[in-house]
């Protein structure tokens, strides 16, 4: 993929998405093997929560989509413990399908609103 197209898509998404303390931005980073989700308060410029798929231990034969779903559930559980009920979803430069969609669906299923 052309990096210029990726940068343009990311800036287009970020122009519309802004997180606050009550409604943080859920930023998704996807590599070829792992997926990372951060809840970010853009007003203060701090990360409230970070879940990385490498931290989660599980079955060896899980697919990437199953791992992404587990990351989404973990984000939702930790967010609820911290009193966060609503988020703004930032898909970054990735299309909303596959692992990115699995993360979002898992967070919605566990009760986060966005």
Protein backbone atom coordinates (compact mmCIF):
# COMPACT_ATOMS: atom_id res chain seq x y z
CA UNK A 1 0.00 0.00 0.00
CA UNK A 2 1.20 3.46 -0.80
CA UNK A 3 2.20 5.31 2.38
CA UNK A 4 0.82 8.60 1.09
CA UNK A 5 -2.64 7.08 0.71
CA UNK A 6 -2.38 5.64 4.21
CA UNK A 7 -1.36 9.00 5.68
CA UNK A 8 -4.19 10.80 3.89
CA UNK A 9 -6.77 8.27 5.09
CA UNK A 10 -5.46 8.51 8.66
CA UNK A 11 -5.56 12.30 8.69
CA UNK A 12 -9.08 12.26 7.24
CA UNK A 13 -10.25 10.01 10.08
CA UNK A 14 -8.37 11.94 12.78
CA UNK A 15 -9.87 15.25 11.65
CA UNK A 16 -13.30 13.98 12.73
CA UNK A 17 -12.37 12.01 15.86
CA UNK A 18 -11.45 13.59 19.21
CA UNK A 19 -11.40 11.96 22.65
CA UNK A 20 -12.19 13.42 26.06
CA UNK A 21 -11.90 12.08 29.61
CA UNK A 22 -15.57 11.01 29.62
CA UNK A 23 -15.51 9.72 26.04
CA UNK A 24 -11.94 8.71 25.10
CA UNK A 25 -10.69 7.86 21.63
CA UNK A 26 -10.10 4.14 21.03
CA UNK A 27 -7.11 4.04 18.70
CA UNK A 28 -6.43 0.74 16.92
CA UNK A 29 -2.99 -0.30 15.69
CA UNK A 30 -2.75 -3.46 13.62
CA UNK A 31 0.46 -5.18 12.61
CA UNK A 32 0.83 -8.41 10.69
CA UNK A 33 0.86 -10.50 13.90
CA UNK A 34 -0.55 -8.39 16.72
CA UNK A 35 -3.21 -5.79 17.47
CA UNK A 36 -3.11 -2.95 19.99
CA UNK A 37 -5.93 -0.74 21.30
CA UNK A 38 -5.41 2.41 23.36
CA UNK A 39 -8.00 4.62 25.02
CA UNK A 40 -6.71 8.18 24.73
CA UNK A 41 -7.82 11.44 26.32
CA UNK A 42 -6.87 14.00 23.65
CA UNK A 43 -7.65 17.01 25.88
CA UNK A 44 -4.97 16.03 28.42
CA UNK A 45 -2.80 14.15 25.92
CA UNK A 46 -2.64 10.97 27.98
CA UNK A 47 -3.31 7.29 27.44
CA UNK A 48 -5.95 6.01 29.85
CA UNK A 49 -5.77 2.34 28.92
CA UNK A 50 -3.67 0.09 26.68
CA UNK A 51 -4.32 -3.52 25.68
CA UNK A 52 -1.87 -5.39 23.49
CA UNK A 53 -2.63 -8.83 22.05
CA UNK A 54 0.85 -10.03 22.94
CA UNK A 55 -0.02 -9.60 26.64
CA UNK A 56 -3.03 -11.90 26.44
CA UNK A 57 -2.32 -15.56 26.93
CA UNK A 58 -4.61 -18.06 25.29
CA UNK A 59 -4.87 -20.98 22.95
CA UNK A 60 -2.10 -21.48 20.42
CA UNK A 61 -4.48 -22.17 17.54
CA UNK A 62 -6.51 -18.95 17.72
CA UNK A 63 -7.01 -17.01 14.53
CA UNK A 64 -6.12 -13.33 14.30
CA UNK A 65 -9.82 -12.42 14.32
CA UNK A 66 -10.40 -14.40 17.54
CA UNK A 67 -7.42 -12.67 19.15
CA UNK A 68 -8.76 -9.28 18.04
CA UNK A 69 -12.12 -10.13 19.63
CA UNK A 70 -10.39 -11.02 22.89
CA UNK A 71 -8.54 -7.68 22.82
CA UNK A 72 -11.85 -5.84 22.31
CA UNK A 73 -13.46 -7.67 25.23
CA UNK A 74 -10.48 -6.93 27.46
CA UNK A 75 -10.61 -3.22 26.54
CA UNK A 76 -14.33 -3.09 27.36
CA UNK A 77 -13.85 -4.85 30.71
CA UNK A 78 -10.99 -2.61 31.79
CA UNK A 79 -12.83 0.51 30.60
CA UNK A 80 -15.89 -0.42 32.66
CA UNK A 81 -13.69 -0.87 35.74
CA UNK A 82 -12.46 2.69 35.22
CA UNK A 83 -15.98 4.05 34.76
CA UNK A 84 -15.80 4.58 30.99
CA UNK A 85 -19.09 3.78 29.28
CA UNK A 86 -18.69 5.52 25.89
CA UNK A 87 -15.81 5.88 23.43
CA UNK A 88 -15.02 7.33 20.03
CA UNK A 89 -13.63 4.69 17.65
CA UNK A 90 -10.50 5.60 15.67
CA UNK A 91 -9.73 3.00 13.02
CA UNK A 92 -6.66 4.91 11.87
CA UNK A 93 -5.60 4.16 8.33
CA UNK A 94 -7.21 0.70 8.34
CA UNK A 95 -10.45 -0.21 6.65
CA UNK A 96 -13.35 -1.18 8.90
CA UNK A 97 -13.35 -4.93 8.27
CA UNK A 98 -11.57 -8.02 9.48
CA UNK A 99 -9.64 -7.57 12.73
CA UNK A 100 -10.55 -3.91 13.15
CA UNK A 101 -14.26 -4.75 12.89
CA UNK A 102 -13.81 -7.71 15.27
CA UNK A 103 -12.32 -5.39 17.91
CA UNK A 104 -15.17 -2.90 17.51
CA UNK A 105 -17.87 -5.58 17.64
CA UNK A 106 -16.38 -7.15 20.77
CA UNK A 107 -16.25 -3.77 22.53
CA UNK A 108 -19.89 -3.11 21.59
CA UNK A 109 -20.96 -6.58 22.74
CA UNK A 110 -19.38 -5.99 26.15
CA UNK A 111 -21.28 -2.75 26.63
CA UNK A 112 -19.17 0.15 25.34
CA UNK A 113 -21.18 2.73 23.40
CA UNK A 114 -19.89 4.40 20.24
